[in-house]
PDB file of N, CA and C in Angstrom:
ATOM      1  N   UNK A   1     156.064-234.574 101.178  1.00  0.00           N
ATOM      2  CA  UNK A   1     156.039-234.321 102.670  1.00  0.00           C
ATOM      3  C   UNK A   1     155.150-233.206 103.057  1.00  0.00           C
ATOM      4  N   UNK A   2     154.350-233.475 103.882  1.00  0.00           N
ATOM      5  CA  UNK A   2     153.240-232.632 104.464  1.00  0.00           C
ATOM      6  C   UNK A   2     153.620-232.267 105.937  1.00  0.00           C
ATOM      7  N   UNK A   3     153.586-230.926 106.001  1.00  0.00           N
ATOM      8  CA  UNK A   3     153.708-230.430 107.396  1.00  0.00           C
ATOM      9  C   UNK A   3     152.602-230.362 108.224  1.00  0.00           C
ATOM     10  N   UNK A   4     152.603-230.696 109.576  1.00  0.00           N
ATOM     11  CA  UNK A   4     151.402-230.544 110.423  1.00  0.00           C
ATOM     12  C   UNK A   4     150.638-229.398 110.479  1.00  0.00           C
ATOM     13  N   UNK A   5     151.631-228.044 110.502  1.00  0.00           N
ATOM     14  CA  UNK A   5     150.896-226.961 110.783  1.00  0.00           C
ATOM     15  C   UNK A   5     150.806-225.991 109.391  1.00  0.00           C
ATOM     16  N   UNK A   6     151.173-226.402 108.306  1.00  0.00           N
ATOM     17  CA  UNK A   6     151.202-225.951 107.055  1.00  0.00           C
ATOM     18  C   UNK A   6     149.685-225.706 106.656  1.00  0.00           C
ATOM     19  N   UNK A   7     149.371-224.579 106.393  1.00  0.00           N
ATOM     20  CA  UNK A   7     147.864-224.261 105.899  1.00  0.00           C
ATOM     21  C   UNK A   7     148.159-223.839 104.211  1.00  0.00           C
ATOM     22  N   UNK A   8     146.977-224.087 103.731  1.00  0.00           N
ATOM     23  CA  UNK A   8     146.925-223.744 102.401  1.00  0.00           C
ATOM     24  C   UNK A   8     146.348-222.190 102.331  1.00  0.00           C
ATOM     25  N   UNK A   9     147.161-221.316 101.556  1.00  0.00           N
ATOM     26  CA  UNK A   9     146.560-219.816 101.414  1.00  0.00           C
ATOM     27  C   UNK A   9     145.359-219.814 100.456  1.00  0.00           C
ATOM     28  N   UNK A  10     144.355-219.071 100.674  1.00  0.00           N
ATOM     29  CA  UNK A  10     143.221-219.173 100.061  1.00  0.00           C
ATOM     30  C   UNK A  10     143.460-218.313  98.702  1.00  0.00           C
ATOM     31  N   UNK A  11     143.011-218.652  97.553  1.00  0.00           N
ATOM     32  CA  UNK A  11     142.995-217.969  96.451  1.00  0.00           C
ATOM     33  C   UNK A  11     142.640-216.622  96.455  1.00  0.00           C
ATOM     34  N   UNK A  12     141.486-216.300  97.210  1.00  0.00           N
ATOM     35  CA  UNK A  12     140.921-214.906  97.292  1.00  0.00           C
ATOM     36  C   UNK A  12     141.838-213.999  98.146  1.00  0.00           C
ATOM     37  N   UNK A  13     142.478-214.487  99.050  1.00  0.00           N
ATOM     38  CA  UNK A  13     143.432-213.673  99.713  1.00  0.00           C
ATOM     39  C   UNK A  13     144.680-213.443  98.847  1.00  0.00           C
ATOM     40  N   UNK A  14     145.214-214.314  98.094  1.00  0.00           N
ATOM     41  CA  UNK A  14     146.198-213.956  97.065  1.00  0.00           C
ATOM     42  C   UNK A  14     145.812-212.786  96.029  1.00  0.00           C
ATOM     43  N   UNK A  15     144.777-212.914  95.386  1.00  0.00           N
ATOM     44  CA  UNK A  15     144.092-212.105  94.562  1.00  0.00           C
ATOM     45  C   UNK A  15     143.978-210.643  95.132  1.00  0.00           C
ATOM     46  N   UNK A  16     143.617-210.645  96.236  1.00  0.00           N
ATOM     47  CA  UNK A  16     143.471-209.448  96.972  1.00  0.00           C
ATOM     48  C   UNK A  16     144.775-208.760  97.269  1.00  0.00           C
ATOM     49  N   UNK A  17     145.676-209.572  97.722  1.00  0.00           N
ATOM     50  CA  UNK A  17     147.225-208.826  97.748  1.00  0.00           C
ATOM     51  C   UNK A  17     147.819-208.493  96.547  1.00  0.00           C
ATOM     52  N   UNK A  18     147.413-209.269  95.416  1.00  0.00           N
ATOM     53  CA  UNK A  18     148.056-208.852  94.060  1.00  0.00           C
ATOM     54  C   UNK A  18     147.280-207.515  93.684  1.00  0.00           C
ATOM     55  N   UNK A  19     146.003-207.396  93.999  1.00  0.00           N
ATOM     56  CA  UNK A  19     145.359-206.176  93.556  1.00  0.00           C
ATOM     57  C   UNK A  19     145.917-204.981  94.306  1.00  0.00           C
ATOM     58  N   UNK A  20     145.967-205.386  95.554  1.00  0.00           N
ATOM     59  CA  UNK A  20     146.507-204.211  96.375  1.00  0.00           C
ATOM     60  C   UNK A  20     147.911-203.805  95.940  1.00  0.00           C
ATOM     61  N   UNK A  21     148.824-204.636  95.688  1.00  0.00           N
ATOM     62  CA  UNK A  21     150.072-204.213  95.261  1.00  0.00           C
ATOM     63  C   UNK A  21     150.234-203.691  93.913  1.00  0.00           C
ATOM     64  N   UNK A  22     149.400-204.101  92.982  1.00  0.00           N
ATOM     65  CA  UNK A  22     149.203-203.551  91.564  1.00  0.00           C
ATOM     66  C   UNK A  22     148.641-202.085  91.733  1.00  0.00           C
ATOM     67  N   UNK A  23     147.501-201.979  92.716  1.00  0.00           N
ATOM     68  CA  UNK A  23     146.974-200.525  92.832  1.00  0.00           C
ATOM     69  C   UNK A  23     148.123-199.537  93.277  1.00  0.00           C
ATOM     70  N   UNK A  24     148.806-200.026  94.291  1.00  0.00           N
ATOM     71  CA  UNK A  24     150.077-199.182  94.853  1.00  0.00           C
ATOM     72  C   UNK A  24     150.954-198.993  93.777  1.00  0.00           C
ATOM     73  N   UNK A  25     151.445-199.901  93.012  1.00  0.00           N
ATOM     74  CA  UNK A  25     152.496-199.554  91.830  1.00  0.00           C
ATOM     75  C   UNK A  25     151.759-198.549  90.910  1.00  0.00           C
ATOM     76  N   UNK A  26     150.513-198.674  90.381  1.00  0.00           N
ATOM     77  CA  UNK A  26     149.770-197.866  89.715  1.00  0.00           C
ATOM     78  C   UNK A  26     149.695-196.283  90.230  1.00  0.00           C
ATOM     79  N   UNK A  27     149.483-196.313  91.534  1.00  0.00           N
ATOM     80  CA  UNK A  27     149.436-194.895  92.133  1.00  0.00           C
ATOM     81  C   UNK A  27     150.961-194.299  92.243  1.00  0.00           C
ATOM     82  N   UNK A  28     151.696-194.921  92.671  1.00  0.00           N
ATOM     83  CA  UNK A  28     153.217-194.513  92.561  1.00  0.00           C
ATOM     84  C   UNK A  28     153.598-194.027  91.236  1.00  0.00           C
ATOM     85  N   UNK A  29     153.318-194.536  90.037  1.00  0.00           N
ATOM     86  CA  UNK A  29     153.567-194.416  88.921  1.00  0.00           C
ATOM     87  C   UNK A  29     152.859-193.041  88.355  1.00  0.00           C
ATOM     88  N   UNK A  30     151.554-192.940  88.617  1.00  0.00           N
ATOM     89  CA  UNK A  30     150.755-191.782  88.552  1.00  0.00           C
ATOM     90  C   UNK A  30     151.309-190.599  89.253  1.00  0.00           C
ATOM     91  N   UNK A  31     151.728-190.662  90.502  1.00  0.00           N
ATOM     92  CA  UNK A  31     152.259-189.569  91.216  1.00  0.00           C
ATOM     93  C   UNK A  31     153.498-189.082  90.721  1.00  0.00           C
ATOM     94  N   UNK A  32     154.375-190.053  90.250  1.00  0.00           N
ATOM     95  CA  UNK A  32     155.415-189.709  89.536  1.00  0.00           C
ATOM     96  C   UNK A  32     155.493-188.986  88.350  1.00  0.00           C
ATOM     97  N   UNK A  33     154.562-189.460  87.556  1.00  0.00           N
ATOM     98  CA  UNK A  33     154.278-188.832  86.222  1.00  0.00           C
ATOM     99  C   UNK A  33     153.628-187.246  86.474  1.00  0.00           C
ATOM    100  N   UNK A  34     152.896-187.281  87.462  1.00  0.00           N
ATOM    101  CA  UNK A  34     152.259-185.954  87.696  1.00  0.00           C
ATOM    102  C   UNK A  34     153.174-185.067  88.173  1.00  0.00           C
ATOM    103  N   UNK A  35     154.227-185.357  88.979  1.00  0.00           N
ATOM    104  CA  UNK A  35     155.101-184.602  89.420  1.00  0.00           C
ATOM    105  C   UNK A  35     156.136-184.231  88.434  1.00  0.00           C
ATOM    106  N   UNK A  36     156.526-184.895  87.638  1.00  0.00           N
ATOM    107  CA  UNK A  36     157.316-184.581  86.560  1.00  0.00           C
ATOM    108  C   UNK A  36     156.734-183.423  85.646  1.00  0.00           C
ATOM    109  N   UNK A  37     155.498-183.785  85.355  1.00  0.00           N
ATOM    110  CA  UNK A  37     154.790-182.904  84.330  1.00  0.00           C
ATOM    111  C   UNK A  37     154.559-181.542  85.006  1.00  0.00           C
ATOM    112  N   UNK A  38     154.272-181.320  86.160  1.00  0.00           N
ATOM    113  CA  UNK A  38     154.292-180.013  87.078  1.00  0.00           C
ATOM    114  C   UNK A  38     155.650-179.245  87.227  1.00  0.00           C
ATOM    115  N   UNK A  39     156.641-180.112  87.240  1.00  0.00           N
ATOM    116  CA  UNK A  39     158.066-179.376  87.341  1.00  0.00           C
ATOM    117  C   UNK A  39     158.259-178.993  85.829  1.00  0.00           C
ATOM    118  N   UNK A  40     157.883-179.676  84.810  1.00  0.00           N
ATOM    119  CA  UNK A  40     158.331-179.529  83.306  1.00  0.00           C
ATOM    120  C   UNK A  40     157.512-178.006  83.141  1.00  0.00           C
ATOM    121  N   UNK A  41     156.233-177.947  83.633  1.00  0.00           N
ATOM    122  CA  UNK A  41     155.458-176.729  83.224  1.00  0.00           C
ATOM    123  C   UNK A  41     156.103-175.634  83.998  1.00  0.00           C
ATOM    124  N   UNK A  42     156.518-175.754  85.151  1.00  0.00           N
ATOM    125  CA  UNK A  42     157.295-174.573  85.799  1.00  0.00           C
ATOM    126  C   UNK A  42     158.573-174.242  85.331  1.00  0.00           C
ATOM    127  N   UNK A  43     159.355-175.188  84.599  1.00  0.00           N
ATOM    128  CA  UNK A  43     160.643-174.822  84.243  1.00  0.00           C
ATOM    129  C   UNK A  43     160.284-174.156  82.801  1.00  0.00           C
ATOM    130  N   UNK A  44     159.088-174.542  82.071  1.00  0.00           N
ATOM    131  CA  UNK A  44     158.868-173.763  80.851  1.00  0.00           C
ATOM    132  C   UNK A  44     158.405-172.324  81.127  1.00  0.00           C
ATOM    133  N   UNK A  45     157.734-172.190  82.061  1.00  0.00           N
ATOM    134  CA  UNK A  45     157.034-170.820  82.405  1.00  0.00           C
ATOM    135  C   UNK A  45     158.667-169.848  82.744  1.00  0.00           C
ATOM    136  N   UNK A  46     159.230-170.411  83.588  1.00  0.00           N
ATOM    137  CA  UNK A  46     160.698-169.743  83.829  1.00  0.00           C
ATOM    138  C   UNK A  46     161.437-169.362  82.529  1.00  0.00           C
ATOM    139  N   UNK A  47     161.320-170.347  81.617  1.00  0.00           N
ATOM    140  CA  UNK A  47     162.228-170.268  80.433  1.00  0.00           C
ATOM    141  C   UNK A  47     161.480-168.993  79.648  1.00  0.00           C
ATOM    142  N   UNK A  48     160.268-169.131  79.558  1.00  0.00           N
ATOM    143  CA  UNK A  48     159.349-168.112  78.760  1.00  0.00           C
ATOM    144  C   UNK A  48     159.668-166.793  79.474  1.00  0.00           C
ATOM    145  N   UNK A  49     159.580-166.738  80.921  1.00  0.00           N
ATOM    146  CA  UNK A  49     159.743-165.402  81.372  1.00  0.00           C
ATOM    147  C   UNK A  49     161.246-164.815  81.157  1.00  0.00           C
ATOM    148  N   UNK A  50     162.182-165.676  81.122  1.00  0.00           N
ATOM    149  CA  UNK A  50     163.629-165.090  80.854  1.00  0.00           C
ATOM    150  C   UNK A  50     163.717-164.692  79.362  1.00  0.00           C
ATOM    151  N   UNK A  51     162.991-165.491  78.419  1.00  0.00           N
ATOM    152  CA  UNK A  51     163.069-164.814  77.055  1.00  0.00           C
ATOM    153  C   UNK A  51     162.315-163.540  76.853  1.00  0.00           C
ATOM    154  N   UNK A  52     161.399-163.629  77.492  1.00  0.00           N
ATOM    155  CA  UNK A  52     160.490-162.140  77.411  1.00  0.00           C
ATOM    156  C   UNK A  52     161.240-161.194  77.976  1.00  0.00           C
ATOM    157  N   UNK A  53     161.907-161.347  79.197  1.00  0.00           N
ATOM    158  CA  UNK A  53     162.746-160.358  79.928  1.00  0.00           C
ATOM    159  C   UNK A  53     163.968-160.006  78.961  1.00  0.00           C
ATOM    160  N   UNK A  54     164.577-160.962  78.535  1.00  0.00           N
ATOM    161  CA  UNK A  54     165.700-160.456  77.549  1.00  0.00           C
ATOM    162  C   UNK A  54     165.479-159.876  76.397  1.00  0.00           C
ATOM    163  N   UNK A  55     164.186-160.104  76.005  1.00  0.00           N
ATOM    164  CA  UNK A  55     163.596-159.432  74.648  1.00  0.00           C
ATOM    165  C   UNK A  55     163.258-157.941  74.942  1.00  0.00           C
ATOM    166  N   UNK A  56     162.842-157.795  76.194  1.00  0.00           N
ATOM    167  CA  UNK A  56     162.236-156.276  76.622  1.00  0.00           C
ATOM    168  C   UNK A  56     163.689-155.617  76.932  1.00  0.00           C
ATOM    169  N   UNK A  57     164.548-156.253  77.661  1.00  0.00           N
ATOM    170  CA  UNK A  57     165.989-155.692  78.035  1.00  0.00           C
ATOM    171  C   UNK A  57     166.728-155.243  76.695  1.00  0.00           C
ATOM    172  N   UNK A  58     166.856-156.252  75.710  1.00  0.00           N
ATOM    173  CA  UNK A  58     167.424-155.909  74.550  1.00  0.00           C
ATOM    174  C   UNK A  58     166.916-154.788  73.686  1.00  0.00           C
ATOM    175  N   UNK A  59     165.565-154.828  73.652  1.00  0.00           N
ATOM    176  CA  UNK A  59     164.902-153.713  72.738  1.00  0.00           C
ATOM    177  C   UNK A  59     165.228-152.344  73.597  1.00  0.00           C
ATOM    178  N   UNK A  60     165.338-152.485  74.840  1.00  0.00           N
ATOM    179  CA  UNK A  60     165.364-151.006  75.609  1.00  0.00           C
ATOM    180  C   UNK A  60     166.853-150.693  75.412  1.00  0.00           C
ATOM    181  N   UNK A  61     167.942-151.574  75.384  1.00  0.00           N
ATOM    182  CA  UNK A  61     169.235-151.351  75.187  1.00  0.00           C
ATOM    183  C   UNK A  61     169.367-150.682  73.594  1.00  0.00           C
ATOM    184  N   UNK A  62     168.829-151.275  72.587  1.00  0.00           N
ATOM    185  CA  UNK A  62     168.880-150.790  71.137  1.00  0.00           C
ATOM    186  C   UNK A  62     168.203-149.595  70.725  1.00  0.00           C
ATOM    187  N   UNK A  63     166.997-149.555  71.347  1.00  0.00           N
ATOM    188  CA  UNK A  63     166.200-148.417  70.972  1.00  0.00           C
ATOM    189  C   UNK A  63     165.975-147.190  71.879  1.00  0.00           C
ATOM    190  N   UNK A  64     166.314-147.496  73.160  1.00  0.00           N
ATOM    191  CA  UNK A  64     166.355-146.217  74.339  1.00  0.00           C
ATOM    192  C   UNK A  64     164.742-146.372  74.860  1.00  0.00           C
ATOM    193  N   UNK A  65     163.962-147.296  74.531  1.00  0.00           N
ATOM    194  CA  UNK A  65     162.448-147.368  75.147  1.00  0.00           C
ATOM    195  C   UNK A  65     162.081-148.778  75.131  1.00  0.00           C
ATOM    196  N   UNK A  66     161.228-149.189  75.960  1.00  0.00           N
ATOM    197  CA  UNK A  66     160.651-150.496  76.228  1.00  0.00           C
ATOM    198  C   UNK A  66     159.698-150.782  75.107  1.00  0.00           C
ATOM    199  N   UNK A  67     159.520-152.208  74.656  1.00  0.00           N
ATOM    200  CA  UNK A  67     158.608-152.303  73.632  1.00  0.00           C
ATOM    201  C   UNK A  67     157.284-152.070  73.912  1.00  0.00           C
ATOM    202  N   UNK A  68     156.336-151.372  73.048  1.00  0.00           N
ATOM    203  CA  UNK A  68     155.120-150.919  73.055  1.00  0.00           C
ATOM    204  C   UNK A  68     154.047-152.020  73.363  1.00  0.00           C
ATOM    205  N   UNK A  69     154.370-153.079  72.793  1.00  0.00           N
ATOM    206  CA  UNK A  69     153.490-154.470  72.898  1.00  0.00           C
ATOM    207  C   UNK A  69     154.268-155.805  72.876  1.00  0.00           C
ATOM    208  N   UNK A  70     153.594-156.835  73.069  1.00  0.00           N
ATOM    209  CA  UNK A  70     154.077-158.231  72.860  1.00  0.00           C
ATOM    210  C   UNK A  70     154.266-158.400  71.334  1.00  0.00           C
ATOM    211  N   UNK A  71     153.328-158.021  70.605  1.00  0.00           N
ATOM    212  CA  UNK A  71     153.423-158.167  69.196  1.00  0.00           C
ATOM    213  C   UNK A  71     154.810-157.442  68.537  1.00  0.00           C
ATOM    214  N   UNK A  72     155.015-156.376  69.262  1.00  0.00           N
ATOM    215  CA  UNK A  72     156.471-155.683  68.839  1.00  0.00           C
ATOM    216  C   UNK A  72     157.383-156.524  69.107  1.00  0.00           C
ATOM    217  N   UNK A  73     157.550-157.151  70.221  1.00  0.00           N
ATOM    218  CA  UNK A  73     158.504-158.168  70.690  1.00  0.00           C
ATOM    219  C   UNK A  73     158.727-159.433  69.659  1.00  0.00           C
ATOM    220  N   UNK A  74     157.467-159.790  69.346  1.00  0.00           N
ATOM    221  CA  UNK A  74     157.528-160.776  68.281  1.00  0.00           C
ATOM    222  C   UNK A  74     158.087-160.649  66.970  1.00  0.00           C
ATOM    223  N   UNK A  75     157.586-159.496  66.589  1.00  0.00           N
ATOM    224  CA  UNK A  75     157.860-159.184  65.067  1.00  0.00           C
ATOM    225  C   UNK A  75     159.341-158.450  65.137  1.00  0.00           C
ATOM    226  N   UNK A  76     160.025-157.737  65.978  1.00  0.00           N
ATOM    227  CA  UNK A  76     161.134-157.142  65.897  1.00  0.00           C
ATOM    228  C   UNK A  76     162.256-157.850  66.671  1.00  0.00           C
ATOM    229  N   UNK A  77     161.941-158.636  67.636  1.00  0.00           N
ATOM    230  CA  UNK A  77     162.955-159.385  68.417  1.00  0.00           C
ATOM    231  C   UNK A  77     162.859-160.991  68.384  1.00  0.00           C
ATOM    232  N   UNK A  78     162.176-161.489  67.530  1.00  0.00           N
ATOM    233  CA  UNK A  78     162.071-162.924  67.508  1.00  0.00           C
ATOM    234  C   UNK A  78     161.318-163.664  68.699  1.00  0.00           C
ATOM    235  N   UNK A  79     160.674-163.211  69.533  1.00  0.00           N
ATOM    236  CA  UNK A  79     159.947-163.880  70.462  1.00  0.00           C
ATOM    237  C   UNK A  79     159.023-164.855  70.075  1.00  0.00           C
ATOM    238  N   UNK A  80     159.096-166.101  70.343  1.00  0.00           N
ATOM    239  CA  UNK A  80     158.207-167.103  69.885  1.00  0.00           C
ATOM    240  C   UNK A  80     158.183-168.046  71.096  1.00  0.00           C
ATOM    241  N   UNK A  81     156.679-168.440  71.216  1.00  0.00           N
ATOM    242  CA  UNK A  81     156.232-169.285  72.204  1.00  0.00           C
ATOM    243  C   UNK A  81     155.136-170.078  71.883  1.00  0.00           C
ATOM    244  N   UNK A  82     154.585-171.089  72.513  1.00  0.00           N
ATOM    245  CA  UNK A  82     153.405-171.587  72.270  1.00  0.00           C
ATOM    246  C   UNK A  82     152.113-171.059  72.757  1.00  0.00           C
ATOM    247  N   UNK A  83     151.517-170.279  71.825  1.00  0.00           N
ATOM    248  CA  UNK A  83     150.497-169.467  72.205  1.00  0.00           C
ATOM    249  C   UNK A  83     149.132-170.308  72.506  1.00  0.00           C
ATOM    250  N   UNK A  84     148.980-171.458  72.177  1.00  0.00           N
ATOM    251  CA  UNK A  84     148.088-172.222  72.582  1.00  0.00           C
ATOM    252  C   UNK A  84     148.161-172.767  73.947  1.00  0.00           C
ATOM    253  N   UNK A  85     149.406-172.676  74.390  1.00  0.00           N
ATOM    254  CA  UNK A  85     149.708-173.310  75.827  1.00  0.00           C
ATOM    255  C   UNK A  85     149.927-172.148  76.985  1.00  0.00           C
ATOM    256  N   UNK A  86     150.374-171.076  76.463  1.00  0.00           N
ATOM    257  CA  UNK A  86     150.629-169.949  77.248  1.00  0.00           C
ATOM    258  C   UNK A  86     150.050-168.647  76.870  1.00  0.00           C
ATOM    259  N   UNK A  87     149.427-167.753  77.948  1.00  0.00           N
ATOM    260  CA  UNK A  87     148.851-166.548  77.568  1.00  0.00           C
ATOM    261  C   UNK A  87     149.927-165.594  78.533  1.00  0.00           C
ATOM    262  N   UNK A  88     150.194-164.498  77.505  1.00  0.00           N
ATOM    263  CA  UNK A  88     151.084-163.452  78.203  1.00  0.00           C
ATOM    264  C   UNK A  88     150.441-162.228  78.167  1.00  0.00           C
ATOM    265  N   UNK A  89     150.338-161.816  79.587  1.00  0.00           N
ATOM    266  CA  UNK A  89     149.562-160.340  79.745  1.00  0.00           C
ATOM    267  C   UNK A  89     150.737-159.331  79.696  1.00  0.00           C
ATOM    268  N   UNK A  90     150.786-158.716  78.829  1.00  0.00           N
ATOM    269  CA  UNK A  90     151.893-157.464  78.544  1.00  0.00           C
ATOM    270  C   UNK A  90     151.321-156.086  78.733  1.00  0.00           C
ATOM    271  N   UNK A  91     151.553-155.643  79.692  1.00  0.00           N
ATOM    272  CA  UNK A  91     150.982-154.327  80.197  1.00  0.00           C
ATOM    273  C   UNK A  91     152.187-153.226  80.201  1.00  0.00           C
ATOM    274  N   UNK A  92     152.472-152.414  79.195  1.00  0.00           N
ATOM    275  CA  UNK A  92     153.473-151.257  79.028  1.00  0.00           C
ATOM    276  C   UNK A  92     153.002-150.227  80.145  1.00  0.00           C
ATOM    277  N   UNK A  93     154.195-149.590  80.551  1.00  0.00           N
ATOM    278  CA  UNK A  93     153.795-148.637  81.412  1.00  0.00           C
ATOM    279  C   UNK A  93     154.196-147.355  81.216  1.00  0.00           C
ATOM    280  N   UNK A  94     154.945-147.426  79.992  1.00  0.00           N
ATOM    281  CA  UNK A  94     155.557-146.040  79.443  1.00  0.00           C
ATOM    282  C   UNK A  94     156.772-146.467  78.619  1.00  0.00           C
ATOM    283  N   UNK A  95     157.358-145.630  77.946  1.00  0.00           N
ATOM    284  CA  UNK A  95     158.716-145.805  77.280  1.00  0.00           C
ATOM    285  C   UNK A  95     159.777-146.071  78.097  1.00  0.00           C
ATOM    286  N   UNK A  96     159.687-145.453  79.352  1.00  0.00           N
ATOM    287  CA  UNK A  96     160.953-145.578  80.163  1.00  0.00           C
ATOM    288  C   UNK A  96     160.686-146.258  81.406  1.00  0.00           C
ATOM    289  N   UNK A  97     159.671-146.928  81.533  1.00  0.00           N
ATOM    290  CA  UNK A  97     159.332-147.776  82.752  1.00  0.00           C
ATOM    291  C   UNK A  97     159.085-149.352  82.290  1.00  0.00           C
ATOM    292  N   UNK A  98     159.656-150.209  82.865  1.00  0.00           N
ATOM    293  CA  UNK A  98     159.671-151.629  82.649  1.00  0.00           C
ATOM    294  C   UNK A  98     158.068-152.236  82.434  1.00  0.00           C
ATOM    295  N   UNK A  99     157.692-152.762  81.439  1.00  0.00           N
ATOM    296  CA  UNK A  99     156.469-153.286  81.335  1.00  0.00           C
ATOM    297  C   UNK A  99     156.151-154.624  82.325  1.00  0.00           C
ATOM    298  N   UNK A 100     155.012-154.358  82.552  1.00  0.00           N
ATOM    299  CA  UNK A 100     154.468-155.665  83.718  1.00  0.00           C
ATOM    300  C   UNK A 100     154.163-156.780  82.535  1.00  0.00           C
ATOM    301  N   UNK A 101     154.737-157.714  82.996  1.00  0.00           N
ATOM    302  CA  UNK A 101     154.575-159.214  82.198  1.00  0.00           C
ATOM    303  C   UNK A 101     154.181-160.204  83.373  1.00  0.00           C
ATOM    304  N   UNK A 102     152.972-160.767  82.972  1.00  0.00           N
ATOM    305  CA  UNK A 102     152.558-161.951  83.562  1.00  0.00           C
ATOM    306  C   UNK A 102     152.274-162.997  82.592  1.00  0.00           C
ATOM    307  N   UNK A 103     152.798-164.214  82.978  1.00  0.00           N
ATOM    308  CA  UNK A 103     152.608-165.492  82.111  1.00  0.00           C
ATOM    309  C   UNK A 103     151.789-166.614  82.660  1.00  0.00           C
ATOM    310  N   UNK A 104     150.828-166.988  81.974  1.00  0.00           N
ATOM    311  CA  UNK A 104     149.767-167.972  82.530  1.00  0.00           C
ATOM    312  C   UNK A 104     149.769-169.244  81.672  1.00  0.00           C
ATOM    313  N   UNK A 105     149.814-170.236  82.269  1.00  0.00           N
ATOM    314  CA  UNK A 105     149.626-171.604  81.641  1.00  0.00           C
ATOM    315  C   UNK A 105     148.108-171.675  81.268  1.00  0.00           C
ATOM    316  N   UNK A 106     147.792-171.962  80.092  1.00  0.00           N
ATOM    317  CA  UNK A 106     146.171-171.965  79.686  1.00  0.00           C
ATOM    318  C   UNK A 106     145.943-173.522  80.201  1.00  0.00           C
ATOM    319  N   UNK A 107     144.688-173.792  80.587  1.00  0.00           N
ATOM    320  CA  UNK A 107     144.009-174.913  80.872  1.00  0.00           C
ATOM    321  C   UNK A 107     143.780-175.786  79.698  1.00  0.00           C
ATOM    322  N   UNK A 108     144.188-176.860  79.486  1.00  0.00           N
ATOM    323  CA  UNK A 108     144.014-177.741  78.200  1.00  0.00           C
ATOM    324  C   UNK A 108     142.641-178.370  78.372  1.00  0.00           C
ATOM    325  N   UNK A 109     142.159-178.949  77.352  1.00  0.00           N
ATOM    326  CA  UNK A 109     140.949-179.655  77.304  1.00  0.00           C
ATOM    327  C   UNK A 109     141.124-180.884  78.189  1.00  0.00           C
ATOM    328  N   UNK A 110     142.189-181.517  78.371  1.00  0.00           N
ATOM    329  CA  UNK A 110     142.277-182.674  79.041  1.00  0.00           C
ATOM    330  C   UNK A 110     142.329-182.334  80.491  1.00  0.00           C
ATOM    331  N   UNK A 111     142.778-181.169  80.947  1.00  0.00           N
ATOM    332  CA  UNK A 111     142.618-180.767  82.293  1.00  0.00           C
ATOM    333  C   UNK A 111     141.344-180.454  82.750  1.00  0.00           C
ATOM    334  N   UNK A 112     140.672-179.756  81.849  1.00  0.00           N
ATOM    335  CA  UNK A 112     139.175-179.406  82.278  1.00  0.00           C
ATOM    336  C   UNK A 112     138.203-180.699  82.173  1.00  0.00           C
ATOM    337  N   UNK A 113     138.602-181.724  81.829  1.00  0.00           N
ATOM    338  CA  UNK A 113     137.471-182.772  81.574  1.00  0.00           C
ATOM    339  C   UNK A 113     137.277-183.601  82.616  1.00  0.00           C
ATOM    340  N   UNK A 114     138.196-183.213  83.986  1.00  0.00           N
ATOM    341  CA  UNK A 114     138.113-184.249  85.138  1.00  0.00           C
ATOM    342  C   UNK A 114     136.814-184.056  85.799  1.00  0.00           C
TER     343      UNK A 114
END
């Protein structure tokens, strides 16, 4: 049975619609993965900041002075982290002043190749 007003859709139009839908799905997936990755990086940095702060405080509590270096924290208080992924700038201010600590995520080769 044929309808009088029925028109056949062109195959080109169907292909374009399919390509547009596929592209939209890929973009949504990419943005979702990117968002999760960024959130994980932020959480990892916060966890590392907490670990460093606890080590510093624990050292001060036990020894009566702040750690003289990041290496001292690693050797004596078990601080461990991924040194290939993060850089910790540890600036001691004296034995009785809390050190200044900055944690920076290093840029990976994958991020630099864009």
